[in-house]
Amino acid sequence: MDIEEIIDDVRQTLGSLRTPRFSLLSRRLADGPDAGLAGPLHERFEVTDETDSNNDHGWFLHLEENGSEWLVMLSAVSLRCATFVRLRDRIWEVALTPHSANLTPAEVRVIELLTGHGLELLTEKDLERPVPLVLPDNEDVRLYHALFVAFGVLPWENPPLT
C-alpha cells in the first residue's frame, strides 16, 4: 500500500486536506458502487446495503451466506481501496486479504472479485495510519476515517457493547 497515493486520492476527491468539500463526494456516492462488483456479490450472497449517505465515505455491503457474514467496504474517496471484513454477530472480527490464513471458499471468491477489479484490500494496520485530513470533531484522523467514516472509533478496537 502506498499511503501517499491514497492521500493524493483523498485530496483530489475532497478538493483539499485542510478544507475538504464533501459535496464533491456526495455525487460519487449517489452513483452507487461499481455494478461489476455489486452484481456478482448479489448473485452469490444475501446482500444488504448498509451505506449511510449522511456519514459514510463509501459503500458498505453486508454479505450473508449459510450463517456466515462479512462486510465489504468500498471507498468512494479512493476508488482503489476496499476492506473486506469477517464479522461475527455483526461485530468486526478481522479484515481479510489474499494473505489471510484460514480463508473459506466464499472469502476467496470475494477477495478474487475485489482484487480482480484492481482494488487494494486494506488491513486494520493500514487503516490505523494517521492522515493529515482536517475533519470536524476528529483530531485523530486515521486512514479509516478518510476513506470510510469521518468520525467515531475504529470498529475493531471498540466493538459495540451487546
N, C-alpha and C. Protein backbone atom coordinates (compact mmCIF):
# COMPACT_ATOMS: atom_id res chain seq x y z
N MET A 1 0.84 -1.18 0.00
CA MET A 1 0.00 0.00 0.00
C MET A 1 0.89 1.24 0.00
N ASP A 2 0.61 2.14 -0.92
CA ASP A 2 1.32 3.42 -0.96
C ASP A 2 0.42 4.48 -0.35
N ILE A 3 0.68 4.81 0.90
CA ILE A 3 -0.16 5.77 1.62
C ILE A 3 -0.19 7.13 0.94
N GLU A 4 0.91 7.55 0.34
CA GLU A 4 0.95 8.87 -0.31
C GLU A 4 0.01 8.91 -1.52
N GLU A 5 -0.07 7.82 -2.27
CA GLU A 5 -1.00 7.77 -3.40
C GLU A 5 -2.45 7.84 -2.92
N ILE A 6 -2.73 7.16 -1.83
CA ILE A 6 -4.09 7.19 -1.28
C ILE A 6 -4.42 8.58 -0.75
N ILE A 7 -3.47 9.22 -0.09
CA ILE A 7 -3.69 10.59 0.40
C ILE A 7 -3.91 11.54 -0.77
N ASP A 8 -3.20 11.32 -1.88
CA ASP A 8 -3.45 12.12 -3.09
C ASP A 8 -4.87 11.91 -3.60
N ASP A 9 -5.36 10.67 -3.55
CA ASP A 9 -6.75 10.40 -3.94
C ASP A 9 -7.72 11.18 -3.04
N VAL A 10 -7.45 11.18 -1.74
CA VAL A 10 -8.30 11.90 -0.79
C VAL A 10 -8.31 13.39 -1.13
N ARG A 11 -7.13 13.94 -1.38
CA ARG A 11 -7.01 15.36 -1.73
C ARG A 11 -7.78 15.68 -3.02
N GLN A 12 -7.63 14.84 -4.02
CA GLN A 12 -8.31 15.08 -5.29
C GLN A 12 -9.82 14.97 -5.16
N THR A 13 -10.29 13.96 -4.44
CA THR A 13 -11.72 13.74 -4.30
C THR A 13 -12.39 14.83 -3.48
N LEU A 14 -11.74 15.26 -2.39
CA LEU A 14 -12.34 16.23 -1.47
C LEU A 14 -11.89 17.66 -1.74
N GLY A 15 -10.98 17.84 -2.68
CA GLY A 15 -10.55 19.18 -3.05
C GLY A 15 -9.43 19.73 -2.20
N SER A 16 -9.30 19.27 -0.97
CA SER A 16 -8.29 19.77 -0.04
C SER A 16 -8.25 18.88 1.20
N LEU A 17 -7.09 18.80 1.82
CA LEU A 17 -7.00 18.09 3.10
C LEU A 17 -7.34 19.02 4.26
N ARG A 18 -7.10 20.31 4.08
CA ARG A 18 -7.35 21.28 5.16
C ARG A 18 -8.80 21.74 5.20
N THR A 19 -9.44 21.86 4.04
CA THR A 19 -10.84 22.29 3.97
C THR A 19 -11.59 21.38 2.98
N PRO A 20 -11.80 20.13 3.38
CA PRO A 20 -12.44 19.19 2.46
C PRO A 20 -13.87 19.59 2.13
N ARG A 21 -14.25 19.33 0.88
CA ARG A 21 -15.62 19.62 0.42
C ARG A 21 -16.31 18.28 0.14
N PHE A 22 -17.16 17.90 1.06
CA PHE A 22 -17.82 16.61 0.95
C PHE A 22 -18.93 16.61 -0.09
N SER A 23 -19.32 17.78 -0.56
CA SER A 23 -20.32 17.83 -1.64
C SER A 23 -19.78 17.13 -2.89
N LEU A 24 -18.46 17.19 -3.08
CA LEU A 24 -17.86 16.51 -4.22
C LEU A 24 -18.03 14.99 -4.09
N LEU A 25 -18.00 14.50 -2.88
CA LEU A 25 -18.15 13.07 -2.63
C LEU A 25 -19.60 12.63 -2.75
N SER A 26 -20.54 13.49 -2.42
CA SER A 26 -21.96 13.15 -2.46
C SER A 26 -22.39 12.67 -3.84
N ARG A 27 -21.90 13.32 -4.87
CA ARG A 27 -22.27 12.92 -6.23
C ARG A 27 -21.77 11.51 -6.54
N ARG A 28 -20.56 11.22 -6.12
CA ARG A 28 -19.99 9.90 -6.36
C ARG A 28 -20.76 8.83 -5.60
N LEU A 29 -21.10 9.11 -4.35
CA LEU A 29 -21.85 8.14 -3.55
C LEU A 29 -23.23 7.87 -4.15
N ALA A 30 -23.86 8.91 -4.70
CA ALA A 30 -25.19 8.75 -5.28
C ALA A 30 -25.19 7.79 -6.47
N ASP A 31 -24.06 7.68 -7.16
CA ASP A 31 -23.96 6.78 -8.30
C ASP A 31 -23.95 5.31 -7.88
N GLY A 32 -23.62 5.04 -6.62
CA GLY A 32 -23.58 3.67 -6.12
C GLY A 32 -22.29 2.97 -6.48
N PRO A 33 -22.09 1.79 -5.91
CA PRO A 33 -20.86 1.05 -6.19
C PRO A 33 -20.84 0.51 -7.62
N ASP A 34 -19.66 0.18 -8.08
CA ASP A 34 -19.44 -0.38 -9.41
C ASP A 34 -20.34 -1.61 -9.59
N ALA A 35 -21.16 -1.59 -10.63
CA ALA A 35 -22.07 -2.70 -10.90
C ALA A 35 -21.31 -4.00 -11.16
N GLY A 36 -20.09 -3.89 -11.68
CA GLY A 36 -19.27 -5.07 -11.93
C GLY A 36 -18.85 -5.77 -10.64
N LEU A 37 -18.89 -5.04 -9.53
CA LEU A 37 -18.61 -5.63 -8.22
C LEU A 37 -19.90 -6.03 -7.52
N ALA A 38 -20.84 -5.12 -7.51
CA ALA A 38 -22.09 -5.36 -6.77
C ALA A 38 -22.89 -6.50 -7.37
N GLY A 39 -22.95 -6.59 -8.69
CA GLY A 39 -23.75 -7.64 -9.35
C GLY A 39 -23.35 -9.04 -8.92
N PRO A 40 -22.07 -9.41 -9.06
CA PRO A 40 -21.66 -10.76 -8.64
C PRO A 40 -21.87 -11.03 -7.15
N LEU A 41 -21.74 -10.00 -6.31
CA LEU A 41 -21.99 -10.19 -4.89
C LEU A 41 -23.47 -10.52 -4.65
N HIS A 42 -24.36 -9.81 -5.35
CA HIS A 42 -25.80 -10.06 -5.21
C HIS A 42 -26.18 -11.45 -5.74
N GLU A 43 -25.46 -11.93 -6.74
CA GLU A 43 -25.75 -13.26 -7.28
C GLU A 43 -25.36 -14.36 -6.31
N ARG A 44 -24.34 -14.14 -5.52
CA ARG A 44 -23.77 -15.19 -4.67
C ARG A 44 -24.25 -15.14 -3.21
N PHE A 45 -24.52 -13.92 -2.71
CA PHE A 45 -24.81 -13.72 -1.29
C PHE A 45 -26.12 -12.98 -1.10
N GLU A 46 -26.63 -13.06 0.11
CA GLU A 46 -27.70 -12.15 0.52
C GLU A 46 -26.99 -10.86 0.88
N VAL A 47 -27.28 -9.78 0.14
CA VAL A 47 -26.56 -8.52 0.30
C VAL A 47 -27.51 -7.45 0.82
N THR A 48 -27.06 -6.76 1.86
CA THR A 48 -27.79 -5.60 2.38
C THR A 48 -26.88 -4.39 2.28
N ASP A 49 -27.36 -3.36 1.60
CA ASP A 49 -26.58 -2.12 1.51
C ASP A 49 -26.81 -1.34 2.80
N GLU A 50 -25.76 -1.21 3.59
CA GLU A 50 -25.85 -0.53 4.88
C GLU A 50 -25.20 0.85 4.84
N THR A 51 -25.04 1.39 3.65
CA THR A 51 -24.42 2.69 3.49
C THR A 51 -25.31 3.78 4.08
N ASP A 52 -24.71 4.65 4.87
CA ASP A 52 -25.38 5.83 5.42
C ASP A 52 -24.87 7.03 4.64
N SER A 53 -25.65 7.51 3.69
CA SER A 53 -25.18 8.58 2.81
C SER A 53 -24.90 9.88 3.54
N ASN A 54 -25.38 10.02 4.76
CA ASN A 54 -25.10 11.23 5.54
C ASN A 54 -23.75 11.17 6.24
N ASN A 55 -23.22 9.98 6.48
CA ASN A 55 -21.99 9.86 7.26
C ASN A 55 -20.87 9.08 6.59
N ASP A 56 -21.19 8.18 5.71
CA ASP A 56 -20.18 7.30 5.14
C ASP A 56 -19.49 7.91 3.94
N HIS A 57 -18.23 7.49 3.73
CA HIS A 57 -17.43 7.95 2.60
C HIS A 57 -17.25 6.82 1.59
N GLY A 58 -18.13 5.87 1.65
CA GLY A 58 -18.05 4.74 0.74
C GLY A 58 -19.31 3.91 0.87
N TRP A 59 -19.28 2.75 0.24
CA TRP A 59 -20.42 1.86 0.25
C TRP A 59 -20.12 0.70 1.19
N PHE A 60 -21.10 0.36 2.00
CA PHE A 60 -20.97 -0.71 2.98
C PHE A 60 -21.97 -1.80 2.63
N LEU A 61 -21.47 -2.93 2.17
CA LEU A 61 -22.31 -4.03 1.73
C LEU A 61 -22.15 -5.20 2.70
N HIS A 62 -23.23 -5.51 3.40
CA HIS A 62 -23.24 -6.63 4.35
C HIS A 62 -23.61 -7.88 3.59
N LEU A 63 -22.77 -8.91 3.67
CA LEU A 63 -22.98 -10.17 2.95
C LEU A 63 -23.30 -11.27 3.95
N GLU A 64 -24.23 -12.15 3.56
CA GLU A 64 -24.55 -13.33 4.37
C GLU A 64 -24.66 -14.54 3.47
N GLU A 65 -24.19 -15.67 4.01
CA GLU A 65 -24.31 -16.95 3.32
C GLU A 65 -24.14 -18.06 4.34
N ASN A 66 -25.13 -18.92 4.45
CA ASN A 66 -25.06 -20.10 5.32
C ASN A 66 -24.61 -19.78 6.74
N GLY A 67 -25.13 -18.71 7.31
CA GLY A 67 -24.81 -18.36 8.69
C GLY A 67 -23.52 -17.58 8.86
N SER A 68 -22.77 -17.39 7.81
CA SER A 68 -21.55 -16.58 7.88
C SER A 68 -21.87 -15.18 7.38
N GLU A 69 -21.10 -14.21 7.86
CA GLU A 69 -21.36 -12.84 7.43
C GLU A 69 -20.06 -12.06 7.29
N TRP A 70 -20.12 -11.10 6.38
CA TRP A 70 -18.97 -10.27 6.07
C TRP A 70 -19.45 -8.86 5.77
N LEU A 71 -18.49 -7.95 5.73
CA LEU A 71 -18.76 -6.58 5.31
C LEU A 71 -17.74 -6.21 4.25
N VAL A 72 -18.24 -5.76 3.09
CA VAL A 72 -17.38 -5.22 2.05
C VAL A 72 -17.52 -3.71 2.11
N MET A 73 -16.40 -3.04 2.34
CA MET A 73 -16.38 -1.58 2.41
C MET A 73 -15.62 -1.08 1.18
N LEU A 74 -16.32 -0.37 0.31
CA LEU A 74 -15.73 0.17 -0.91
C LEU A 74 -15.62 1.68 -0.76
N SER A 75 -14.41 2.19 -0.80
CA SER A 75 -14.22 3.63 -0.59
C SER A 75 -14.67 4.42 -1.82
N ALA A 76 -15.42 5.48 -1.59
CA ALA A 76 -15.76 6.41 -2.66
C ALA A 76 -14.74 7.54 -2.72
N VAL A 77 -13.88 7.64 -1.72
CA VAL A 77 -12.85 8.67 -1.69
C VAL A 77 -11.66 8.23 -2.54
N SER A 78 -11.23 7.00 -2.38
CA SER A 78 -10.16 6.42 -3.19
C SER A 78 -10.73 5.15 -3.80
N LEU A 79 -11.06 5.21 -5.06
CA LEU A 79 -11.73 4.10 -5.72
C LEU A 79 -10.84 2.87 -5.86
N ARG A 80 -9.59 2.98 -5.44
CA ARG A 80 -8.67 1.84 -5.48
C ARG A 80 -8.70 1.04 -4.17
N CYS A 81 -9.38 1.56 -3.14
CA CYS A 81 -9.30 0.97 -1.79
C CYS A 81 -10.61 0.31 -1.35
N ALA A 82 -10.44 -0.82 -0.69
CA ALA A 82 -11.57 -1.54 -0.11
C ALA A 82 -11.08 -2.26 1.13
N THR A 83 -12.03 -2.66 1.95
CA THR A 83 -11.74 -3.52 3.09
C THR A 83 -12.82 -4.59 3.12
N PHE A 84 -12.38 -5.82 3.32
CA PHE A 84 -13.27 -6.97 3.37
C PHE A 84 -13.13 -7.56 4.78
N VAL A 85 -14.23 -7.58 5.52
CA VAL A 85 -14.19 -7.90 6.94
C VAL A 85 -15.03 -9.14 7.24
N ARG A 86 -14.44 -10.06 7.97
CA ARG A 86 -15.20 -11.19 8.52
C ARG A 86 -15.88 -10.68 9.79
N LEU A 87 -17.18 -10.91 9.88
CA LEU A 87 -17.96 -10.48 11.04
C LEU A 87 -18.38 -11.69 11.86
N ARG A 88 -18.61 -11.46 13.11
CA ARG A 88 -19.21 -12.46 13.98
C ARG A 88 -20.30 -11.74 14.77
N ASP A 89 -21.54 -12.13 14.56
CA ASP A 89 -22.68 -11.46 15.20
C ASP A 89 -22.64 -9.95 14.92
N ARG A 90 -22.32 -9.61 13.67
CA ARG A 90 -22.29 -8.23 13.17
C ARG A 90 -21.19 -7.38 13.81
N ILE A 91 -20.22 -8.03 14.44
CA ILE A 91 -19.09 -7.32 15.05
C ILE A 91 -17.83 -7.67 14.26
N TRP A 92 -17.01 -6.65 14.02
CA TRP A 92 -15.76 -6.79 13.29
C TRP A 92 -14.89 -7.85 13.93
N GLU A 93 -14.52 -8.86 13.15
CA GLU A 93 -13.59 -9.89 13.64
C GLU A 93 -12.20 -9.64 13.09
N VAL A 94 -12.08 -9.58 11.74
CA VAL A 94 -10.77 -9.36 11.13
C VAL A 94 -10.95 -8.92 9.68
N ALA A 95 -10.08 -8.02 9.23
CA ALA A 95 -10.03 -7.65 7.82
C ALA A 95 -9.27 -8.74 7.07
N LEU A 96 -9.78 -9.09 5.90
CA LEU A 96 -9.22 -10.20 5.13
C LEU A 96 -8.51 -9.69 3.88
N THR A 97 -7.41 -10.36 3.55
CA THR A 97 -6.66 -10.09 2.33
C THR A 97 -6.31 -11.43 1.69
N PRO A 98 -5.72 -11.42 0.50
CA PRO A 98 -5.31 -12.69 -0.10
C PRO A 98 -4.31 -13.46 0.77
N HIS A 99 -3.64 -12.79 1.69
CA HIS A 99 -2.62 -13.43 2.52
C HIS A 99 -3.15 -13.89 3.87
N SER A 100 -4.43 -13.70 4.13
CA SER A 100 -5.01 -14.11 5.40
C SER A 100 -5.04 -15.63 5.52
N ALA A 101 -4.89 -16.10 6.73
CA ALA A 101 -4.94 -17.55 6.99
C ALA A 101 -6.38 -18.02 7.11
N ASN A 102 -6.59 -19.27 6.82
CA ASN A 102 -7.88 -19.94 7.03
C ASN A 102 -9.06 -19.28 6.31
N LEU A 103 -8.84 -18.88 5.07
CA LEU A 103 -9.93 -18.30 4.28
C LEU A 103 -10.89 -19.40 3.85
N THR A 104 -12.18 -19.09 3.91
CA THR A 104 -13.18 -20.03 3.41
C THR A 104 -13.27 -19.88 1.88
N PRO A 105 -13.87 -20.86 1.20
CA PRO A 105 -14.05 -20.72 -0.25
C PRO A 105 -14.83 -19.44 -0.62
N ALA A 106 -15.84 -19.09 0.17
CA ALA A 106 -16.61 -17.86 -0.11
C ALA A 106 -15.72 -16.63 0.02
N GLU A 107 -14.87 -16.62 1.02
CA GLU A 107 -13.97 -15.48 1.21
C GLU A 107 -12.96 -15.37 0.06
N VAL A 108 -12.45 -16.49 -0.39
CA VAL A 108 -11.52 -16.49 -1.52
C VAL A 108 -12.21 -15.90 -2.75
N ARG A 109 -13.47 -16.29 -3.00
CA ARG A 109 -14.20 -15.76 -4.17
C ARG A 109 -14.38 -14.25 -4.08
N VAL A 110 -14.73 -13.74 -2.90
CA VAL A 110 -14.91 -12.29 -2.75
C VAL A 110 -13.57 -11.58 -2.93
N ILE A 111 -12.52 -12.10 -2.34
CA ILE A 111 -11.21 -11.48 -2.49
C ILE A 111 -10.78 -11.47 -3.95
N GLU A 112 -11.01 -12.57 -4.66
CA GLU A 112 -10.66 -12.62 -6.09
C GLU A 112 -11.47 -11.61 -6.89
N LEU A 113 -12.74 -11.45 -6.55
CA LEU A 113 -13.58 -10.46 -7.23
C LEU A 113 -13.04 -9.05 -6.99
N LEU A 114 -12.77 -8.72 -5.74
CA LEU A 114 -12.32 -7.37 -5.40
C LEU A 114 -10.94 -7.06 -6.01
N THR A 115 -10.00 -7.97 -5.83
CA THR A 115 -8.66 -7.72 -6.38
C THR A 115 -8.66 -7.79 -7.90
N GLY A 116 -9.54 -8.60 -8.46
CA GLY A 116 -9.68 -8.66 -9.92
C GLY A 116 -10.16 -7.36 -10.53
N HIS A 117 -10.81 -6.53 -9.71
CA HIS A 117 -11.25 -5.20 -10.15
C HIS A 117 -10.22 -4.13 -9.79
N GLY A 118 -9.03 -4.57 -9.40
CA GLY A 118 -7.94 -3.63 -9.13
C GLY A 118 -7.99 -2.98 -7.76
N LEU A 119 -8.83 -3.51 -6.87
CA LEU A 119 -8.92 -2.93 -5.53
C LEU A 119 -7.82 -3.46 -4.63
N GLU A 120 -7.30 -2.57 -3.81
CA GLU A 120 -6.32 -2.94 -2.79
C GLU A 120 -7.08 -3.17 -1.49
N LEU A 121 -6.92 -4.36 -0.92
CA LEU A 121 -7.61 -4.68 0.32
C LEU A 121 -6.76 -4.23 1.50
N LEU A 122 -7.33 -3.38 2.32
CA LEU A 122 -6.61 -2.78 3.44
C LEU A 122 -6.90 -3.54 4.73
N THR A 123 -5.87 -3.65 5.56
CA THR A 123 -5.98 -4.31 6.85
C THR A 123 -6.19 -3.26 7.94
N GLU A 124 -6.41 -3.73 9.15
CA GLU A 124 -6.54 -2.82 10.29
C GLU A 124 -5.27 -1.97 10.43
N LYS A 125 -4.11 -2.59 10.26
CA LYS A 125 -2.84 -1.85 10.37
C LYS A 125 -2.79 -0.71 9.35
N ASP A 126 -3.22 -0.98 8.13
CA ASP A 126 -3.26 0.06 7.09
C ASP A 126 -4.21 1.18 7.51
N LEU A 127 -5.39 0.80 7.97
CA LEU A 127 -6.45 1.77 8.28
C LEU A 127 -6.14 2.60 9.52
N GLU A 128 -5.20 2.17 10.33
CA GLU A 128 -4.80 2.92 11.52
C GLU A 128 -3.80 4.03 11.22
N ARG A 129 -3.28 4.09 10.00
CA ARG A 129 -2.27 5.09 9.65
C ARG A 129 -2.84 6.49 9.78
N PRO A 130 -2.11 7.41 10.43
CA PRO A 130 -2.57 8.81 10.53
C PRO A 130 -2.62 9.47 9.15
N VAL A 131 -3.59 10.34 8.97
CA VAL A 131 -3.77 11.07 7.72
C VAL A 131 -3.94 12.55 8.06
N PRO A 132 -3.28 13.46 7.32
CA PRO A 132 -3.36 14.89 7.63
C PRO A 132 -4.63 15.55 7.08
N LEU A 133 -5.77 14.92 7.30
CA LEU A 133 -7.06 15.44 6.85
C LEU A 133 -7.74 16.12 8.02
N VAL A 134 -8.25 17.32 7.80
CA VAL A 134 -8.96 18.05 8.85
C VAL A 134 -10.44 17.69 8.77
N LEU A 135 -10.94 17.09 9.86
CA LEU A 135 -12.34 16.71 9.94
C LEU A 135 -12.95 17.30 11.21
N PRO A 136 -14.21 17.77 11.13
CA PRO A 136 -14.84 18.29 12.34
C PRO A 136 -14.99 17.18 13.39
N ASP A 137 -14.79 17.55 14.63
CA ASP A 137 -14.97 16.63 15.76
C ASP A 137 -14.07 15.40 15.69
N ASN A 138 -12.93 15.51 15.01
CA ASN A 138 -12.00 14.38 14.95
C ASN A 138 -10.58 14.94 14.85
N GLU A 139 -9.87 14.91 15.95
CA GLU A 139 -8.49 15.42 15.96
C GLU A 139 -7.47 14.32 15.70
N ASP A 140 -7.90 13.07 15.60
CA ASP A 140 -7.01 11.94 15.39
C ASP A 140 -7.47 11.17 14.15
N VAL A 141 -7.34 11.81 12.99
CA VAL A 141 -7.84 11.23 11.74
C VAL A 141 -6.91 10.12 11.27
N ARG A 142 -7.51 8.98 11.04
CA ARG A 142 -6.80 7.81 10.52
C ARG A 142 -7.28 7.53 9.11
N LEU A 143 -6.58 6.68 8.41
CA LEU A 143 -6.97 6.34 7.04
C LEU A 143 -8.40 5.82 6.99
N TYR A 144 -8.80 5.06 7.99
CA TYR A 144 -10.19 4.58 8.07
C TYR A 144 -11.18 5.74 7.99
N HIS A 145 -10.92 6.82 8.74
CA HIS A 145 -11.82 7.98 8.75
C HIS A 145 -11.82 8.69 7.39
N ALA A 146 -10.67 8.79 6.77
CA ALA A 146 -10.58 9.46 5.47
C ALA A 146 -11.31 8.67 4.38
N LEU A 147 -11.22 7.35 4.44
CA LEU A 147 -11.77 6.53 3.36
C LEU A 147 -13.20 6.07 3.57
N PHE A 148 -13.62 5.91 4.84
CA PHE A 148 -14.90 5.26 5.07
C PHE A 148 -15.89 6.03 5.94
N VAL A 149 -15.50 6.45 7.13
CA VAL A 149 -16.41 7.15 8.05
C VAL A 149 -15.61 8.23 8.77
N ALA A 150 -16.09 9.47 8.72
CA ALA A 150 -15.30 10.61 9.20
C ALA A 150 -15.11 10.66 10.70
N PHE A 151 -15.95 10.03 11.46
CA PHE A 151 -15.88 10.18 12.91
C PHE A 151 -16.00 8.83 13.58
N GLY A 152 -15.81 8.83 14.87
CA GLY A 152 -16.01 7.62 15.65
C GLY A 152 -14.73 6.85 15.87
N VAL A 153 -14.88 5.80 16.63
CA VAL A 153 -13.75 4.94 16.97
C VAL A 153 -13.49 3.96 15.84
N LEU A 154 -12.32 3.37 15.87
CA LEU A 154 -12.01 2.33 14.91
C LEU A 154 -12.78 1.08 15.33
N PRO A 155 -13.60 0.52 14.47
CA PRO A 155 -14.54 -0.52 14.88
C PRO A 155 -13.90 -1.80 15.42
N TRP A 156 -12.68 -2.09 15.06
CA TRP A 156 -12.02 -3.30 15.57
C TRP A 156 -11.43 -3.07 16.95
N GLU A 157 -11.27 -1.80 17.36
CA GLU A 157 -10.72 -1.51 18.69
C GLU A 157 -11.78 -1.45 19.77
N ASN A 158 -12.95 -0.99 19.44
CA ASN A 158 -14.01 -0.81 20.41
C ASN A 158 -15.32 -1.35 19.89
N PRO A 159 -15.46 -2.67 19.88
CA PRO A 159 -16.73 -3.23 19.38
C PRO A 159 -17.88 -2.78 20.26
N PRO A 160 -19.07 -2.68 19.68
CA PRO A 160 -20.21 -2.23 20.46
C PRO A 160 -20.54 -3.20 21.60
N LEU A 161 -21.07 -2.66 22.66
CA LEU A 161 -21.49 -3.49 23.77
C LEU A 161 -22.78 -4.20 23.40
N THR A 162 -22.91 -5.44 23.81
CA THR A 162 -24.13 -6.19 23.48
C THR A 162 -25.00 -6.33 24.70
